[in-house]
């Protein structure tokens, strides 16, 4: 889909994002659309819950989070519901999985997964739709130039991270067309990467419309700030710049079970959609 179609829809989509992400299950006054949103989210949540994680590392998390760190939709790409889930509740997450309910893909409605490993430790994800065993991670941290010393308070460090994010810009090439990416100003996850004083970390995302394409990690070791980035999209060319200079380029995509970034899909009976992907009209 062309970039300009997203430009016209971006403002409305971003306004809707919060309400889509936090619909309450116990509200008796839900509209039919609200109920459909809840059912579609439950489908993704159930699929993610079926993932079983194993590793030889002591204390390695065995399940992905029950709640996503980000929710979105992407009608232009035919995603009727989508979410981002992390592996690990403390420290930097070990992995990220995105789930996207797609109206039509190959033989009809499907759930599309994208996987990103954030650790060099070996682990395996099995069960349900999953079969992923990344051989490592492409995440590589680099120092942020001209960044202030990490502040003593968490609130002020968040302000420092948000200021650093404003220095970044992003772009990707989709079917030969260059598309600008938007760095969202608020982190989708906050964590402590170590026990050092003033250690802090956060995940920010660069989106195309509302669809996350890059995960940007900012971390403090207590003395200085560093950054790393990872793919959340399969564009042939994708990159981030800081202060107008290239900061990160997405590695070439290799769709394989042992890749640090890969994707897969599976059939899904998506609430509100017929087998051909069309909307079921409620009488």
Protein backbone atom coordinates (compact mmCIF):
# COMPACT_ATOMS: atom_id res chain seq x y z
CA UNK A 1 0.00 0.00 0.00
CA UNK A 2 1.33 3.42 -0.91
CA UNK A 3 2.67 5.71 1.80
CA UNK A 4 0.32 8.56 0.93
CA UNK A 5 -2.71 6.46 1.89
CA UNK A 6 -1.34 6.24 5.40
CA UNK A 7 -0.62 9.95 5.55
CA UNK A 8 -4.32 10.75 5.09
CA UNK A 9 -5.37 8.27 7.75
CA UNK A 10 -2.59 8.76 10.28
CA UNK A 11 -4.18 11.46 12.43
CA UNK A 12 -7.47 9.58 12.83
CA UNK A 13 -5.71 6.24 13.39
CA UNK A 14 -3.51 7.63 16.15
CA UNK A 15 -6.51 9.18 17.89
CA UNK A 16 -8.19 5.76 17.89
CA UNK A 17 -5.14 3.87 19.08
CA UNK A 18 -5.60 4.39 22.81
CA UNK A 19 -9.24 3.37 22.83
CA UNK A 20 -8.46 0.26 20.80
CA UNK A 21 -5.71 -0.72 23.21
CA UNK A 22 -7.65 -0.45 26.42
CA UNK A 23 -11.23 -1.57 25.79
CA UNK A 24 -12.64 -2.91 29.08
CA UNK A 25 -14.10 -6.41 29.18
CA UNK A 26 -16.58 -5.67 32.01
CA UNK A 27 -18.48 -2.80 30.38
CA UNK A 28 -22.12 -3.93 29.78
CA UNK A 29 -22.78 -1.00 27.45
CA UNK A 30 -20.36 -2.18 24.77
CA UNK A 31 -21.29 -1.67 21.17
CA UNK A 32 -21.04 -4.58 18.75
CA UNK A 33 -17.75 -3.16 17.48
CA UNK A 34 -16.39 -3.12 21.03
CA UNK A 35 -17.41 -6.74 21.50
CA UNK A 36 -15.75 -7.69 18.21
CA UNK A 37 -12.56 -5.94 19.28
CA UNK A 38 -12.58 -7.88 22.56
CA UNK A 39 -13.13 -11.23 20.82
CA UNK A 40 -10.36 -10.58 18.31
CA UNK A 41 -7.98 -9.62 21.09
CA UNK A 42 -8.90 -12.79 22.98
CA UNK A 43 -8.01 -14.83 19.89
CA UNK A 44 -4.52 -13.31 19.74
CA UNK A 45 -4.06 -13.67 23.49
CA UNK A 46 -5.00 -17.36 23.36
CA UNK A 47 -2.57 -18.05 20.50
CA UNK A 48 0.30 -16.30 22.31
CA UNK A 49 -0.52 -18.18 25.54
CA UNK A 50 -0.04 -21.46 23.66
CA UNK A 51 3.64 -20.65 23.06
CA UNK A 52 6.00 -22.68 25.27
CA UNK A 53 9.55 -21.36 25.76
CA UNK A 54 12.50 -23.50 26.80
CA UNK A 55 16.17 -22.65 27.32
CA UNK A 56 19.23 -24.07 29.02
CA UNK A 57 19.71 -20.76 30.87
CA UNK A 58 18.54 -20.73 34.47
CA UNK A 59 15.59 -18.44 35.11
CA UNK A 60 14.80 -17.96 31.43
CA UNK A 61 11.10 -16.96 31.04
CA UNK A 62 8.82 -19.75 29.89
CA UNK A 63 5.84 -17.73 28.62
CA UNK A 64 5.18 -14.49 26.79
CA UNK A 65 3.39 -11.70 28.64
CA UNK A 66 -0.36 -12.05 29.16
CA UNK A 67 -0.85 -8.40 28.23
CA UNK A 68 0.62 -6.78 25.11
CA UNK A 69 2.92 -3.80 25.33
CA UNK A 70 1.26 -2.21 22.27
CA UNK A 71 -1.98 -2.63 20.30
CA UNK A 72 -2.89 -1.28 16.88
CA UNK A 73 -4.85 -1.87 13.68
CA UNK A 74 -3.80 -1.41 10.06
CA UNK A 75 -6.87 -1.43 7.77
CA UNK A 76 -4.85 -0.44 4.70
CA UNK A 77 -2.82 -3.65 5.04
CA UNK A 78 -5.97 -5.60 5.94
CA UNK A 79 -4.98 -6.15 9.60
CA UNK A 80 -8.17 -5.92 11.65
CA UNK A 81 -6.39 -6.30 15.02
CA UNK A 82 -2.76 -6.52 16.09
CA UNK A 83 -0.55 -6.47 19.18
CA UNK A 84 3.05 -6.64 20.37
CA UNK A 85 4.03 -9.05 23.17
CA UNK A 86 7.27 -9.36 25.15
CA UNK A 87 9.10 -12.31 26.67
CA UNK A 88 10.27 -11.60 30.21
CA UNK A 89 8.89 -9.42 33.00
CA UNK A 90 12.17 -8.10 34.40
CA UNK A 91 15.10 -6.47 32.69
CA UNK A 92 15.33 -6.15 28.93
CA UNK A 93 12.82 -8.52 27.30
CA UNK A 94 14.35 -11.63 25.74
CA UNK A 95 12.17 -11.50 22.64
CA UNK A 96 9.24 -9.78 20.99
CA UNK A 97 6.39 -11.33 19.01
CA UNK A 98 3.80 -9.39 17.05
CA UNK A 99 0.41 -10.87 16.20
CA UNK A 100 -1.67 -9.48 13.34
CA UNK A 101 -5.11 -10.72 12.34
CA UNK A 102 -5.18 -10.40 8.57
CA UNK A 103 -8.42 -10.31 6.60
CA UNK A 104 -7.02 -12.21 3.61
CA UNK A 105 -3.71 -14.00 3.20
CA UNK A 106 -3.31 -16.96 0.85
CA UNK A 107 -6.37 -19.09 1.67
CA UNK A 108 -8.38 -16.59 3.74
CA UNK A 109 -8.18 -15.03 7.22
CA UNK A 110 -4.90 -15.75 9.00
CA UNK A 111 -2.89 -14.71 12.01
CA UNK A 112 0.53 -13.37 11.03
CA UNK A 113 3.46 -13.52 13.48
CA UNK A 114 6.72 -11.59 13.46
CA UNK A 115 9.53 -12.62 15.79
CA UNK A 116 12.52 -10.66 17.11
CA UNK A 117 15.18 -12.13 19.41
CA UNK A 118 16.76 -9.71 21.88
CA UNK A 119 19.28 -12.03 23.52
CA UNK A 120 22.32 -14.08 22.45
CA UNK A 121 21.07 -16.92 24.69
CA UNK A 122 19.67 -19.90 22.83
CA UNK A 123 15.99 -20.68 23.34
CA UNK A 124 13.16 -22.49 21.57
CA UNK A 125 9.51 -21.50 21.15
CA UNK A 126 7.09 -24.36 20.44
CA UNK A 127 3.41 -25.19 20.88
CA UNK A 128 0.35 -24.00 19.00
CA UNK A 129 1.41 -22.20 15.82
CA UNK A 130 5.00 -21.71 16.92
CA UNK A 131 8.33 -23.21 15.86
CA UNK A 132 11.14 -20.70 16.41
CA UNK A 133 14.66 -21.33 17.65
CA UNK A 134 16.79 -18.21 17.02
CA UNK A 135 20.53 -18.75 16.89
CA UNK A 136 21.21 -15.37 18.49
CA UNK A 137 20.28 -11.73 18.12
CA UNK A 138 21.10 -8.94 15.69
CA UNK A 139 20.76 -6.35 18.49
CA UNK A 140 23.97 -4.28 18.74
CA UNK A 141 24.20 -1.39 21.19
CA UNK A 142 26.10 1.77 20.30
CA UNK A 143 26.70 4.92 22.39
CA UNK A 144 24.45 7.93 21.84
CA UNK A 145 26.74 10.83 20.97
CA UNK A 146 26.32 14.19 22.73
CA UNK A 147 23.87 12.72 25.27
CA UNK A 148 23.67 14.05 28.83
CA UNK A 149 24.72 12.02 31.84
CA UNK A 150 21.80 9.85 33.02
CA UNK A 151 19.83 11.76 35.65
CA UNK A 152 19.44 10.55 39.21
CA UNK A 153 15.63 10.31 39.05
CA UNK A 154 13.56 7.95 36.90
CA UNK A 155 11.19 10.73 35.80
CA UNK A 156 14.03 12.91 34.55
CA UNK A 157 15.67 9.94 32.80
CA UNK A 158 12.43 9.34 30.92
CA UNK A 159 12.57 12.96 29.78
CA UNK A 160 16.14 12.42 28.62
CA UNK A 161 15.14 9.33 26.64
CA UNK A 162 12.25 11.13 24.99
CA UNK A 163 14.59 13.95 23.99
CA UNK A 164 17.02 11.43 22.47
CA UNK A 165 14.20 9.79 20.50
CA UNK A 166 13.37 13.16 18.95
CA UNK A 167 16.81 13.09 17.35
CA UNK A 168 15.94 9.89 15.44
CA UNK A 169 14.12 9.56 12.14
CA UNK A 170 13.35 6.50 10.07
CA UNK A 171 12.44 5.31 6.60
CA UNK A 172 11.78 2.11 4.70
CA UNK A 173 11.44 1.06 1.07
CA UNK A 174 8.24 -0.85 0.28
CA UNK A 175 7.81 -2.11 -3.29
CA UNK A 176 10.19 0.50 -4.56
CA UNK A 177 8.62 3.44 -2.74
CA UNK A 178 10.38 5.20 0.13
CA UNK A 179 8.14 5.68 3.16
CA UNK A 180 8.84 7.81 6.23
CA UNK A 181 8.56 6.19 9.65
CA UNK A 182 7.21 7.96 12.73
CA UNK A 183 8.99 7.58 16.10
CA UNK A 184 6.30 7.48 18.77
CA UNK A 185 7.25 9.77 21.68
CA UNK A 186 6.16 7.44 24.50
CA UNK A 187 7.92 4.13 25.23
CA UNK A 188 5.90 0.93 24.99
CA UNK A 189 8.02 -0.73 27.70
CA UNK A 190 10.29 0.47 30.52
CA UNK A 191 12.81 -1.73 32.30
CA UNK A 192 16.05 -1.81 34.30
CA UNK A 193 18.82 -3.41 32.20
CA UNK A 194 21.05 -3.93 35.26
CA UNK A 195 21.26 -3.23 38.99
CA UNK A 196 23.66 -0.29 38.54
CA UNK A 197 22.65 3.11 39.90
CA UNK A 198 20.78 5.13 37.27
CA UNK A 199 20.46 2.06 35.02
CA UNK A 200 17.36 2.48 32.88
CA UNK A 201 15.93 1.27 29.62
CA UNK A 202 12.92 1.66 27.34
CA UNK A 203 11.54 0.41 24.04
CA UNK A 204 10.28 2.97 21.55
CA UNK A 205 8.78 2.07 18.20
CA UNK A 206 8.97 3.53 14.72
CA UNK A 207 5.70 3.08 12.86
CA UNK A 208 4.38 3.18 9.31
CA UNK A 209 0.91 4.58 9.89
CA UNK A 210 0.24 2.85 13.20
CA UNK A 211 2.07 -0.37 12.27
CA UNK A 212 5.37 -0.88 14.16
CA UNK A 213 8.33 -1.44 11.81
CA UNK A 214 11.34 -0.92 14.11
CA UNK A 215 11.91 -1.40 17.84
CA UNK A 216 14.34 1.21 19.20
CA UNK A 217 16.03 0.43 22.52
CA UNK A 218 17.53 3.17 24.68
CA UNK A 219 19.52 2.11 27.73
CA UNK A 220 21.63 3.68 30.45
CA UNK A 221 24.38 1.78 32.27
CA UNK A 222 24.33 4.52 34.88
CA UNK A 223 27.08 6.49 33.14
CA UNK A 224 26.02 6.96 29.51
CA UNK A 225 23.20 6.30 27.06
CA UNK A 226 23.31 3.71 24.29
CA UNK A 227 20.88 2.54 21.62
CA UNK A 228 20.09 -0.49 19.50
CA UNK A 229 17.36 -1.33 17.01
CA UNK A 230 15.63 -4.40 15.61
CA UNK A 231 13.24 -5.18 12.81
CA UNK A 232 9.50 -5.51 13.32
CA UNK A 233 8.79 -5.45 9.58
CA UNK A 234 10.06 -7.15 6.45
CA UNK A 235 10.67 -4.14 4.18
CA UNK A 236 13.61 -4.76 1.86
CA UNK A 237 15.33 -1.58 3.09
CA UNK A 238 14.72 -0.11 6.54
CA UNK A 239 16.87 2.27 8.54
CA UNK A 240 17.07 4.81 11.35
CA UNK A 241 19.07 8.02 11.41
CA UNK A 242 20.16 10.21 14.31
CA UNK A 243 20.82 13.90 13.74
CA UNK A 244 20.51 13.21 10.00
CA UNK A 245 23.21 10.52 9.94
CA UNK A 246 22.56 6.81 9.47
CA UNK A 247 22.43 5.09 12.88
CA UNK A 248 21.10 1.63 12.00
CA UNK A 249 20.28 -0.38 8.89
CA UNK A 250 18.06 -3.44 9.07
CA UNK A 251 19.87 -6.63 8.12
CA UNK A 252 18.73 -8.60 5.09
CA UNK A 253 15.66 -10.66 5.98
CA UNK A 254 16.08 -14.43 6.02
CA UNK A 255 12.83 -16.19 6.81
CA UNK A 256 13.96 -19.28 8.68
CA UNK A 257 13.20 -20.87 12.08
CA UNK A 258 16.68 -19.99 13.39
CA UNK A 259 16.71 -16.33 12.26
CA UNK A 260 16.82 -13.59 14.88
CA UNK A 261 14.04 -11.87 12.91
CA UNK A 262 11.52 -13.94 10.98
CA UNK A 263 7.78 -14.34 10.38
CA UNK A 264 5.12 -16.98 9.91
CA UNK A 265 1.36 -17.27 9.63
CA UNK A 266 -1.43 -19.72 10.40
CA UNK A 267 -5.10 -20.06 9.62
CA UNK A 268 -7.44 -18.31 12.02
CA UNK A 269 -11.20 -18.14 12.47
CA UNK A 270 -11.32 -14.38 13.03
CA UNK A 271 -14.51 -13.14 14.72
CA UNK A 272 -16.64 -11.07 12.35
CA UNK A 273 -15.00 -12.37 9.17
CA UNK A 274 -16.30 -14.94 6.71
CA UNK A 275 -13.95 -17.64 5.32
CA UNK A 276 -13.22 -15.42 2.31
CA UNK A 277 -12.23 -12.51 4.56
CA UNK A 278 -15.36 -10.43 3.99
CA UNK A 279 -17.25 -8.85 6.86
CA UNK A 280 -20.12 -10.83 8.34
CA UNK A 281 -23.10 -8.50 8.35
CA UNK A 282 -25.01 -8.65 11.61
CA UNK A 283 -28.79 -8.52 11.23
